[in-house]
């Protein structure tokens, strides 16, 4: 049985996580624009973070194309998200549990927002 290499798996994981992160930034921007007295500085930070995440997603997609990786199905399950993908002709499956998604998305969001990553580790 063929198993996707770890770099291939990381690309698929990023392909799944980055749209979730972008959705969270959009949702947070909507909430902040309505709930804060001076939302502009916060909106700018969120906008910059979303732009960086969008560029990363574009790079991930390009790298997946160059490596012959294509996600053909994503499904929300009770436990998390299941992705089915083709990696150089072989069908693969990945399950990301909700806890893993939340933890990794939080770390990535902190990175995009320019926050201290060690703070999240101390919690």
Protein backbone atom coordinates (compact mmCIF):
# COMPACT_ATOMS: atom_id res chain seq x y z
CA UNK A 1 0.00 0.00 0.00
CA UNK A 2 1.27 3.45 -0.91
CA UNK A 3 1.44 6.05 1.85
CA UNK A 4 1.73 9.75 1.14
CA UNK A 5 4.98 11.30 2.34
CA UNK A 6 4.88 13.55 5.38
CA UNK A 7 5.37 16.69 3.22
CA UNK A 8 2.40 15.60 1.11
CA UNK A 9 0.31 15.14 4.25
CA UNK A 10 1.34 18.57 5.53
CA UNK A 11 0.18 20.13 2.27
CA UNK A 12 -3.21 18.42 2.50
CA UNK A 13 -3.53 19.44 6.15
CA UNK A 14 -2.76 23.06 5.24
CA UNK A 15 -5.23 22.86 2.36
CA UNK A 16 -7.92 21.88 4.89
CA UNK A 17 -6.91 24.27 7.70
CA UNK A 18 -6.28 27.50 5.78
CA UNK A 19 -9.85 27.99 4.52
CA UNK A 20 -11.10 27.42 8.08
CA UNK A 21 -8.66 30.06 9.33
CA UNK A 22 -9.77 32.50 6.63
CA UNK A 23 -13.41 31.93 7.58
CA UNK A 24 -12.57 32.60 11.24
CA UNK A 25 -10.80 35.86 10.32
CA UNK A 26 -13.81 36.97 8.25
CA UNK A 27 -16.24 36.09 11.03
CA UNK A 28 -14.12 37.88 13.63
CA UNK A 29 -13.79 40.96 11.39
CA UNK A 30 -17.58 41.16 11.06
CA UNK A 31 -18.04 40.90 14.82
CA UNK A 32 -15.31 43.45 15.55
CA UNK A 33 -16.55 45.98 13.00
CA UNK A 34 -19.93 46.06 14.74
CA UNK A 35 -18.85 45.72 18.35
CA UNK A 36 -15.89 48.07 18.73
CA UNK A 37 -15.83 51.81 18.94
CA UNK A 38 -12.68 52.13 16.81
CA UNK A 39 -12.45 48.93 14.80
CA UNK A 40 -10.09 50.21 12.06
CA UNK A 41 -6.76 49.20 13.65
CA UNK A 42 -8.06 45.75 14.50
CA UNK A 43 -9.62 45.34 11.07
CA UNK A 44 -6.28 46.22 9.47
CA UNK A 45 -4.49 43.53 11.49
CA UNK A 46 -7.13 40.95 10.55
CA UNK A 47 -7.03 42.03 6.90
CA UNK A 48 -3.23 41.67 6.77
CA UNK A 49 -3.41 38.26 8.46
CA UNK A 50 -6.08 37.10 6.01
CA UNK A 51 -4.00 38.31 3.05
CA UNK A 52 -0.99 36.34 4.28
CA UNK A 53 -3.10 33.23 4.83
CA UNK A 54 -4.60 33.63 1.34
CA UNK A 55 -1.11 33.82 -0.17
CA UNK A 56 -0.11 30.71 1.77
CA UNK A 57 -3.18 28.86 0.50
CA UNK A 58 -2.30 29.85 -3.07
CA UNK A 59 1.24 28.50 -2.53
CA UNK A 60 -0.10 25.27 -1.01
CA UNK A 61 -2.38 24.74 -4.00
CA UNK A 62 0.48 25.35 -6.43
CA UNK A 63 2.75 22.93 -4.56
CA UNK A 64 0.01 20.31 -4.48
CA UNK A 65 -0.41 20.63 -8.25
CA UNK A 66 3.32 20.26 -8.81
CA UNK A 67 3.43 17.14 -6.61
CA UNK A 68 0.39 15.53 -8.21
CA UNK A 69 -1.88 15.87 -5.16
CA UNK A 70 -5.59 16.59 -5.49
CA UNK A 71 -8.20 16.64 -2.73
CA UNK A 72 -11.40 15.38 -4.30
CA UNK A 73 -13.68 15.15 -1.26
CA UNK A 74 -13.95 16.75 2.15
CA UNK A 75 -16.58 15.68 4.60
CA UNK A 76 -17.50 17.01 8.03
CA UNK A 77 -17.85 14.10 10.45
CA UNK A 78 -18.84 14.06 14.09
CA UNK A 79 -15.21 13.74 15.13
CA UNK A 80 -13.65 16.12 12.62
CA UNK A 81 -12.99 16.50 8.90
CA UNK A 82 -12.20 13.65 6.56
CA UNK A 83 -10.39 14.43 3.31
CA UNK A 84 -9.94 12.02 0.45
CA UNK A 85 -7.18 12.82 -1.96
CA UNK A 86 -5.11 11.43 -4.79
CA UNK A 87 -1.35 11.55 -4.32
CA UNK A 88 0.55 10.69 -7.50
CA UNK A 89 -2.16 8.25 -8.60
CA UNK A 90 -2.82 6.64 -5.21
CA UNK A 91 -6.00 7.26 -3.25
CA UNK A 92 -5.38 8.40 0.33
CA UNK A 93 -7.52 9.42 3.27
CA UNK A 94 -6.86 11.85 6.12
CA UNK A 95 -8.93 12.47 9.23
CA UNK A 96 -8.32 15.63 11.21
CA UNK A 97 -9.99 15.54 14.61
CA UNK A 98 -11.76 18.67 15.84
CA UNK A 99 -9.34 19.07 18.78
CA UNK A 100 -6.36 18.92 16.42
CA UNK A 101 -8.00 21.38 14.03
CA UNK A 102 -8.73 23.84 16.84
CA UNK A 103 -5.22 23.63 18.31
CA UNK A 104 -3.38 23.93 15.01
CA UNK A 105 -5.68 26.66 13.73
CA UNK A 106 -5.10 28.68 16.91
CA UNK A 107 -1.33 28.42 16.52
CA UNK A 108 -1.50 29.37 12.83
CA UNK A 109 -3.83 32.29 13.55
CA UNK A 110 -1.43 33.59 16.21
CA UNK A 111 1.39 33.36 13.65
CA UNK A 112 -0.61 35.28 11.03
CA UNK A 113 -1.58 37.93 13.57
CA UNK A 114 2.08 38.38 14.55
CA UNK A 115 1.53 37.23 18.12
CA UNK A 116 3.92 35.41 20.42
CA UNK A 117 3.60 31.68 19.75
CA UNK A 118 5.15 30.72 23.08
CA UNK A 119 2.23 32.35 24.94
CA UNK A 120 -0.15 29.72 23.55
CA UNK A 121 2.19 26.95 24.68
CA UNK A 122 2.18 28.21 28.28
CA UNK A 123 -1.60 27.92 28.58
